[in-house]
Structures are given as C-alpha cells and as structure tokens.
Amino acid sequence: MDAALAEIAASLATLSPQLEGLRDFDRLNLGADARQEIGVSMAAYARREQLLKTAQGVLQQLLADGHPGMSVRDIGAIAYADLVENAGTIAAALAQFSGGEVATELRTTAAPPQKKN
C-alpha cells in the first residue's frame, strides 16, 4: 500500500506542472487548432489527476480502516451461542453429503499423427 501511495504521489508531482503549463498555454492568444489541441490535452491531464487523487484517497481510507486485516468482532454471549449452535447444525447437515465421484483414473487416447503438407 505504501508503495502504491508513493507511486501516486510521484505521478501527481510530475503531472501537476504539466497541467499547469497546459493551463498557461490556454491563456495565450492561440489559433483555433492549437487551442483545440490544448483543450483536449488539458481534459486528459485533468481526468488523470482526478483519477490519481481518487485512488490516493481510497487507498488512504483502506489503510485507515485497518487494511489488509479485518478485526474479529466481539459479540454478546447469547448471539455467539446462537451462531455456534447454527454452525453445528450446518456441519451436521453437510456431513450428509459427499463431493460426488472423483476421477481416480484418466484414460485418454490421441488420434494418429497427421502429415503436414
């Protein structure tokens, strides 16, 4: 996670001056073709910047939530006993089934070799 956050930060550090430069170009007295190209590039860079910031925020939220682990919940004794009882009956029911027949031998035959033309 830390490596991903560092990579995103490095990408944003590179992207930021590029986007700022495109915005500077956009303020100049440019011809229609150049202005259109700058507009398309600005939109692409702004989209990438927003995606990186979103990813950065989500990764930080995951870390703040304790990722990669999930905490074991401490629940009340009655609720826990209920879960244990139900787990026992599920295990008892599952014991009444098998996984079906499993192949113990695989017999395959190949066609005779064919000559290449």
N, C-alpha and C. Protein backbone atom coordinates (compact mmCIF):
# COMPACT_ATOMS: atom_id res chain seq x y z
N MET A 1 0.82 -1.20 0.00
CA MET A 1 0.00 0.00 0.00
C MET A 1 0.86 1.25 0.00
N ASP A 2 1.88 1.24 0.84
CA ASP A 2 2.73 2.42 0.92
C ASP A 2 3.41 2.68 -0.41
N ALA A 3 3.82 1.62 -1.11
CA ALA A 3 4.46 1.77 -2.42
C ALA A 3 3.47 2.37 -3.42
N ALA A 4 2.23 1.94 -3.36
CA ALA A 4 1.21 2.48 -4.28
C ALA A 4 0.96 3.96 -3.98
N LEU A 5 0.89 4.31 -2.70
CA LEU A 5 0.70 5.72 -2.34
C LEU A 5 1.89 6.57 -2.79
N ALA A 6 3.10 6.04 -2.65
CA ALA A 6 4.30 6.76 -3.09
C ALA A 6 4.29 6.94 -4.61
N GLU A 7 3.87 5.90 -5.32
CA GLU A 7 3.80 5.98 -6.79
C GLU A 7 2.77 7.02 -7.23
N ILE A 8 1.64 7.04 -6.58
CA ILE A 8 0.61 8.03 -6.91
C ILE A 8 1.11 9.43 -6.62
N ALA A 9 1.77 9.62 -5.48
CA ALA A 9 2.30 10.94 -5.13
C ALA A 9 3.33 11.40 -6.16
N ALA A 10 4.19 10.47 -6.61
CA ALA A 10 5.19 10.82 -7.63
C ALA A 10 4.52 11.18 -8.95
N SER A 11 3.49 10.44 -9.32
CA SER A 11 2.75 10.74 -10.55
C SER A 11 2.09 12.10 -10.48
N LEU A 12 1.49 12.41 -9.33
CA LEU A 12 0.85 13.72 -9.16
C LEU A 12 1.89 14.84 -9.21
N ALA A 13 3.07 14.60 -8.63
CA ALA A 13 4.13 15.61 -8.64
C ALA A 13 4.61 15.89 -10.06
N THR A 14 4.62 14.88 -10.90
CA THR A 14 5.02 15.05 -12.29
C THR A 14 3.91 15.70 -13.10
N LEU A 15 2.70 15.27 -12.84
CA LEU A 15 1.54 15.73 -13.60
C LEU A 15 1.19 17.18 -13.33
N SER A 16 1.35 17.61 -12.11
CA SER A 16 0.92 18.95 -11.71
C SER A 16 1.56 20.07 -12.54
N PRO A 17 2.89 20.11 -12.71
CA PRO A 17 3.46 21.18 -13.52
C PRO A 17 3.08 21.06 -15.00
N GLN A 18 2.87 19.84 -15.48
CA GLN A 18 2.46 19.65 -16.87
C GLN A 18 1.08 20.26 -17.09
N LEU A 19 0.17 19.98 -16.17
CA LEU A 19 -1.18 20.53 -16.27
C LEU A 19 -1.15 22.04 -16.12
N GLU A 20 -0.34 22.54 -15.22
CA GLU A 20 -0.22 24.00 -15.05
C GLU A 20 0.30 24.64 -16.34
N GLY A 21 1.27 24.01 -16.98
CA GLY A 21 1.79 24.53 -18.25
C GLY A 21 0.73 24.54 -19.34
N LEU A 22 -0.09 23.50 -19.40
CA LEU A 22 -1.18 23.47 -20.37
C LEU A 22 -2.18 24.60 -20.10
N ARG A 23 -2.45 24.85 -18.83
CA ARG A 23 -3.37 25.95 -18.48
C ARG A 23 -2.77 27.29 -18.87
N ASP A 24 -1.44 27.43 -18.72
CA ASP A 24 -0.76 28.65 -19.17
C ASP A 24 -0.91 28.83 -20.68
N PHE A 25 -0.69 27.75 -21.43
CA PHE A 25 -0.89 27.80 -22.88
C PHE A 25 -2.30 28.25 -23.23
N ASP A 26 -3.27 27.74 -22.46
CA ASP A 26 -4.68 28.03 -22.75
C ASP A 26 -5.00 29.52 -22.59
N ARG A 27 -4.19 30.24 -21.83
CA ARG A 27 -4.43 31.67 -21.62
C ARG A 27 -3.84 32.53 -22.74
N LEU A 28 -3.05 31.94 -23.60
CA LEU A 28 -2.39 32.69 -24.67
C LEU A 28 -3.33 32.92 -25.85
N ASN A 29 -2.92 33.80 -26.71
CA ASN A 29 -3.67 34.10 -27.92
C ASN A 29 -3.27 33.06 -28.97
N LEU A 30 -3.94 31.92 -28.96
CA LEU A 30 -3.61 30.81 -29.85
C LEU A 30 -4.62 30.70 -30.98
N GLY A 31 -4.18 30.08 -32.07
CA GLY A 31 -5.09 29.79 -33.16
C GLY A 31 -6.05 28.69 -32.75
N ALA A 32 -7.09 28.51 -33.55
CA ALA A 32 -8.15 27.55 -33.22
C ALA A 32 -7.62 26.12 -33.10
N ASP A 33 -6.74 25.72 -34.03
CA ASP A 33 -6.22 24.35 -33.98
C ASP A 33 -5.41 24.10 -32.72
N ALA A 34 -4.51 25.04 -32.39
CA ALA A 34 -3.68 24.89 -31.20
C ALA A 34 -4.54 24.92 -29.94
N ARG A 35 -5.53 25.81 -29.89
CA ARG A 35 -6.41 25.91 -28.73
C ARG A 35 -7.18 24.59 -28.54
N GLN A 36 -7.63 23.99 -29.64
CA GLN A 36 -8.36 22.73 -29.55
C GLN A 36 -7.44 21.63 -29.00
N GLU A 37 -6.20 21.56 -29.50
CA GLU A 37 -5.26 20.54 -29.02
C GLU A 37 -4.95 20.73 -27.53
N ILE A 38 -4.78 21.97 -27.12
CA ILE A 38 -4.52 22.25 -25.70
C ILE A 38 -5.73 21.85 -24.86
N GLY A 39 -6.93 22.13 -25.35
CA GLY A 39 -8.15 21.76 -24.62
C GLY A 39 -8.28 20.26 -24.43
N VAL A 40 -7.99 19.50 -25.49
CA VAL A 40 -8.06 18.04 -25.41
C VAL A 40 -7.02 17.52 -24.41
N SER A 41 -5.80 18.07 -24.47
CA SER A 41 -4.75 17.64 -23.56
C SER A 41 -5.08 18.02 -22.12
N MET A 42 -5.58 19.22 -21.92
CA MET A 42 -5.94 19.64 -20.55
C MET A 42 -6.99 18.72 -19.97
N ALA A 43 -7.97 18.35 -20.78
CA ALA A 43 -9.03 17.46 -20.29
C ALA A 43 -8.44 16.10 -19.90
N ALA A 44 -7.53 15.58 -20.71
CA ALA A 44 -6.91 14.28 -20.41
C ALA A 44 -6.07 14.35 -19.14
N TYR A 45 -5.29 15.41 -19.01
CA TYR A 45 -4.44 15.56 -17.82
C TYR A 45 -5.29 15.79 -16.57
N ALA A 46 -6.34 16.58 -16.68
CA ALA A 46 -7.22 16.83 -15.54
C ALA A 46 -7.94 15.55 -15.11
N ARG A 47 -8.36 14.74 -16.11
CA ARG A 47 -9.01 13.46 -15.80
C ARG A 47 -8.04 12.55 -15.07
N ARG A 48 -6.80 12.47 -15.56
CA ARG A 48 -5.80 11.62 -14.91
C ARG A 48 -5.51 12.10 -13.50
N GLU A 49 -5.39 13.40 -13.32
CA GLU A 49 -5.15 13.96 -11.99
C GLU A 49 -6.27 13.59 -11.04
N GLN A 50 -7.51 13.70 -11.50
CA GLN A 50 -8.65 13.37 -10.64
C GLN A 50 -8.67 11.89 -10.30
N LEU A 51 -8.37 11.03 -11.27
CA LEU A 51 -8.33 9.59 -11.00
C LEU A 51 -7.24 9.25 -9.98
N LEU A 52 -6.07 9.87 -10.13
CA LEU A 52 -5.00 9.63 -9.17
C LEU A 52 -5.38 10.10 -7.77
N LYS A 53 -6.01 11.26 -7.67
CA LYS A 53 -6.42 11.77 -6.37
C LYS A 53 -7.49 10.88 -5.75
N THR A 54 -8.40 10.37 -6.58
CA THR A 54 -9.43 9.46 -6.09
C THR A 54 -8.79 8.17 -5.57
N ALA A 55 -7.86 7.61 -6.34
CA ALA A 55 -7.18 6.38 -5.93
C ALA A 55 -6.40 6.61 -4.64
N GLN A 56 -5.74 7.74 -4.55
CA GLN A 56 -4.97 8.08 -3.35
C GLN A 56 -5.89 8.15 -2.13
N GLY A 57 -7.03 8.79 -2.28
CA GLY A 57 -7.98 8.90 -1.18
C GLY A 57 -8.54 7.56 -0.76
N VAL A 58 -8.85 6.71 -1.74
CA VAL A 58 -9.39 5.39 -1.42
C VAL A 58 -8.35 4.53 -0.71
N LEU A 59 -7.11 4.57 -1.18
CA LEU A 59 -6.05 3.81 -0.51
C LEU A 59 -5.85 4.30 0.92
N GLN A 60 -5.88 5.60 1.12
CA GLN A 60 -5.74 6.13 2.48
C GLN A 60 -6.91 5.70 3.36
N GLN A 61 -8.11 5.66 2.80
CA GLN A 61 -9.27 5.20 3.56
C GLN A 61 -9.14 3.72 3.92
N LEU A 62 -8.64 2.91 2.98
CA LEU A 62 -8.43 1.49 3.26
C LEU A 62 -7.43 1.31 4.41
N LEU A 63 -6.34 2.05 4.36
CA LEU A 63 -5.35 1.95 5.43
C LEU A 63 -5.93 2.39 6.76
N ALA A 64 -6.71 3.47 6.74
CA ALA A 64 -7.34 3.96 7.97
C ALA A 64 -8.35 2.96 8.51
N ASP A 65 -8.89 2.12 7.63
CA ASP A 65 -9.86 1.10 8.03
C ASP A 65 -9.17 -0.18 8.50
N GLY A 66 -7.83 -0.18 8.55
CA GLY A 66 -7.12 -1.33 9.06
C GLY A 66 -6.69 -2.33 8.00
N HIS A 67 -6.82 -2.00 6.75
CA HIS A 67 -6.43 -2.91 5.67
C HIS A 67 -4.97 -3.30 5.84
N PRO A 68 -4.59 -4.55 5.66
CA PRO A 68 -5.35 -5.60 4.99
C PRO A 68 -6.16 -6.48 5.93
N GLY A 69 -6.03 -6.31 7.20
CA GLY A 69 -6.73 -7.19 8.14
C GLY A 69 -8.16 -6.74 8.39
N MET A 70 -8.94 -7.66 8.88
CA MET A 70 -10.30 -7.37 9.34
C MET A 70 -10.37 -7.82 10.78
N SER A 71 -10.86 -6.97 11.63
CA SER A 71 -10.92 -7.28 13.06
C SER A 71 -11.96 -8.36 13.34
N VAL A 72 -11.65 -9.18 14.34
CA VAL A 72 -12.61 -10.17 14.83
C VAL A 72 -13.58 -9.40 15.73
N ARG A 73 -14.86 -9.56 15.46
CA ARG A 73 -15.87 -8.84 16.23
C ARG A 73 -16.14 -9.54 17.54
N ASP A 74 -16.18 -8.77 18.59
CA ASP A 74 -16.55 -9.28 19.91
C ASP A 74 -18.05 -9.05 20.05
N ILE A 75 -18.80 -10.16 20.15
CA ILE A 75 -20.26 -10.04 20.25
C ILE A 75 -20.73 -10.60 21.58
N GLY A 76 -21.96 -10.37 21.88
CA GLY A 76 -22.54 -10.85 23.12
C GLY A 76 -22.60 -12.37 23.18
N ALA A 77 -22.63 -12.91 24.40
CA ALA A 77 -22.62 -14.35 24.63
C ALA A 77 -23.82 -15.04 24.00
N ILE A 78 -25.00 -14.44 24.09
CA ILE A 78 -26.21 -15.07 23.54
C ILE A 78 -26.13 -15.15 22.02
N ALA A 79 -25.70 -14.07 21.38
CA ALA A 79 -25.56 -14.07 19.93
C ALA A 79 -24.50 -15.08 19.49
N TYR A 80 -23.39 -15.13 20.23
CA TYR A 80 -22.32 -16.06 19.89
C TYR A 80 -22.79 -17.51 20.03
N ALA A 81 -23.51 -17.82 21.10
CA ALA A 81 -24.02 -19.17 21.30
C ALA A 81 -24.98 -19.56 20.18
N ASP A 82 -25.79 -18.61 19.73
CA ASP A 82 -26.71 -18.85 18.63
C ASP A 82 -25.94 -19.19 17.35
N LEU A 83 -24.87 -18.44 17.08
CA LEU A 83 -24.06 -18.71 15.89
C LEU A 83 -23.38 -20.08 15.97
N VAL A 84 -22.86 -20.42 17.15
CA VAL A 84 -22.21 -21.72 17.35
C VAL A 84 -23.20 -22.84 17.14
N GLU A 85 -24.39 -22.70 17.70
CA GLU A 85 -25.42 -23.75 17.54
C GLU A 85 -25.77 -23.93 16.06
N ASN A 86 -25.96 -22.85 15.37
CA ASN A 86 -26.30 -22.95 13.95
C ASN A 86 -25.15 -23.51 13.13
N ALA A 87 -23.91 -23.16 13.48
CA ALA A 87 -22.76 -23.72 12.77
C ALA A 87 -22.72 -25.23 12.97
N GLY A 88 -23.08 -25.70 14.17
CA GLY A 88 -23.10 -27.12 14.45
C GLY A 88 -24.15 -27.84 13.61
N THR A 89 -25.34 -27.27 13.49
CA THR A 89 -26.38 -27.93 12.71
C THR A 89 -26.05 -27.90 11.21
N ILE A 90 -25.39 -26.84 10.77
CA ILE A 90 -24.97 -26.78 9.36
C ILE A 90 -23.92 -27.85 9.10
N ALA A 91 -22.97 -28.00 10.02
CA ALA A 91 -21.94 -29.04 9.86
C ALA A 91 -22.58 -30.43 9.87
N ALA A 92 -23.58 -30.64 10.72
CA ALA A 92 -24.26 -31.94 10.77
C ALA A 92 -24.98 -32.21 9.45
N ALA A 93 -25.62 -31.20 8.91
CA ALA A 93 -26.31 -31.37 7.63
C ALA A 93 -25.32 -31.61 6.50
N LEU A 94 -24.22 -30.88 6.50
CA LEU A 94 -23.21 -31.02 5.45
C LEU A 94 -22.62 -32.43 5.46
N ALA A 95 -22.51 -33.02 6.62
CA ALA A 95 -21.96 -34.38 6.73
C ALA A 95 -22.82 -35.40 6.01
N GLN A 96 -24.04 -35.04 5.64
CA GLN A 96 -24.94 -35.96 4.96
C GLN A 96 -24.71 -35.98 3.44
N PHE A 97 -23.73 -35.22 2.98
CA PHE A 97 -23.45 -35.11 1.54
C PHE A 97 -21.99 -35.43 1.28
N SER A 98 -21.75 -35.84 0.04
CA SER A 98 -20.36 -36.04 -0.38
C SER A 98 -20.11 -35.16 -1.59
N GLY A 99 -18.87 -35.03 -1.95
CA GLY A 99 -18.50 -34.19 -3.07
C GLY A 99 -18.69 -34.85 -4.42
N GLY A 100 -19.36 -35.99 -4.48
CA GLY A 100 -19.58 -36.69 -5.74
C GLY A 100 -18.40 -37.58 -6.08
N GLU A 101 -18.51 -38.23 -7.20
CA GLU A 101 -17.46 -39.13 -7.62
C GLU A 101 -16.26 -38.33 -8.10
N VAL A 102 -15.11 -38.77 -7.69
CA VAL A 102 -13.87 -38.13 -8.11
C VAL A 102 -13.14 -39.10 -9.03
N ALA A 103 -12.69 -38.62 -10.17
CA ALA A 103 -11.98 -39.48 -11.11
C ALA A 103 -10.69 -39.97 -10.48
N THR A 104 -10.49 -41.30 -10.50
CA THR A 104 -9.25 -41.87 -9.97
C THR A 104 -8.32 -42.28 -11.09
N GLU A 105 -8.85 -42.34 -12.30
CA GLU A 105 -8.03 -42.74 -13.43
C GLU A 105 -8.52 -41.95 -14.64
N LEU A 106 -7.58 -41.48 -15.42
CA LEU A 106 -7.94 -40.69 -16.60
C LEU A 106 -7.40 -41.41 -17.81
N ARG A 107 -8.30 -41.86 -18.67
CA ARG A 107 -7.89 -42.59 -19.87
C ARG A 107 -8.10 -41.69 -21.07
N THR A 108 -7.00 -41.38 -21.73
CA THR A 108 -7.09 -40.54 -22.92
C THR A 108 -6.40 -41.25 -24.06
N THR A 109 -6.89 -41.00 -25.24
CA THR A 109 -6.24 -41.54 -26.43
C THR A 109 -6.07 -40.40 -27.41
N ALA A 110 -5.01 -40.49 -28.17
CA ALA A 110 -4.73 -39.45 -29.16
C ALA A 110 -4.97 -40.02 -30.55
N ALA A 111 -5.38 -39.17 -31.44
CA ALA A 111 -5.56 -39.59 -32.83
C ALA A 111 -4.20 -39.84 -33.44
N PRO A 112 -4.14 -40.66 -34.50
CA PRO A 112 -2.83 -40.90 -35.13
C PRO A 112 -2.25 -39.59 -35.68
N PRO A 113 -0.92 -39.48 -35.76
CA PRO A 113 -0.31 -38.26 -36.29
C PRO A 113 -0.73 -38.01 -37.73
N GLN A 114 -0.87 -36.75 -38.05
CA GLN A 114 -1.23 -36.34 -39.41
C GLN A 114 -0.01 -35.72 -40.08
N LYS A 115 0.19 -36.05 -41.36
CA LYS A 115 1.31 -35.46 -42.10
C LYS A 115 0.96 -34.04 -42.47
N LYS A 116 1.97 -33.17 -42.38
CA LYS A 116 1.78 -31.78 -42.80
C LYS A 116 2.06 -31.70 -44.29
N ASN A 117 1.31 -30.91 -44.98
CA ASN A 117 1.53 -30.72 -46.43
C ASN A 117 2.39 -29.51 -46.68
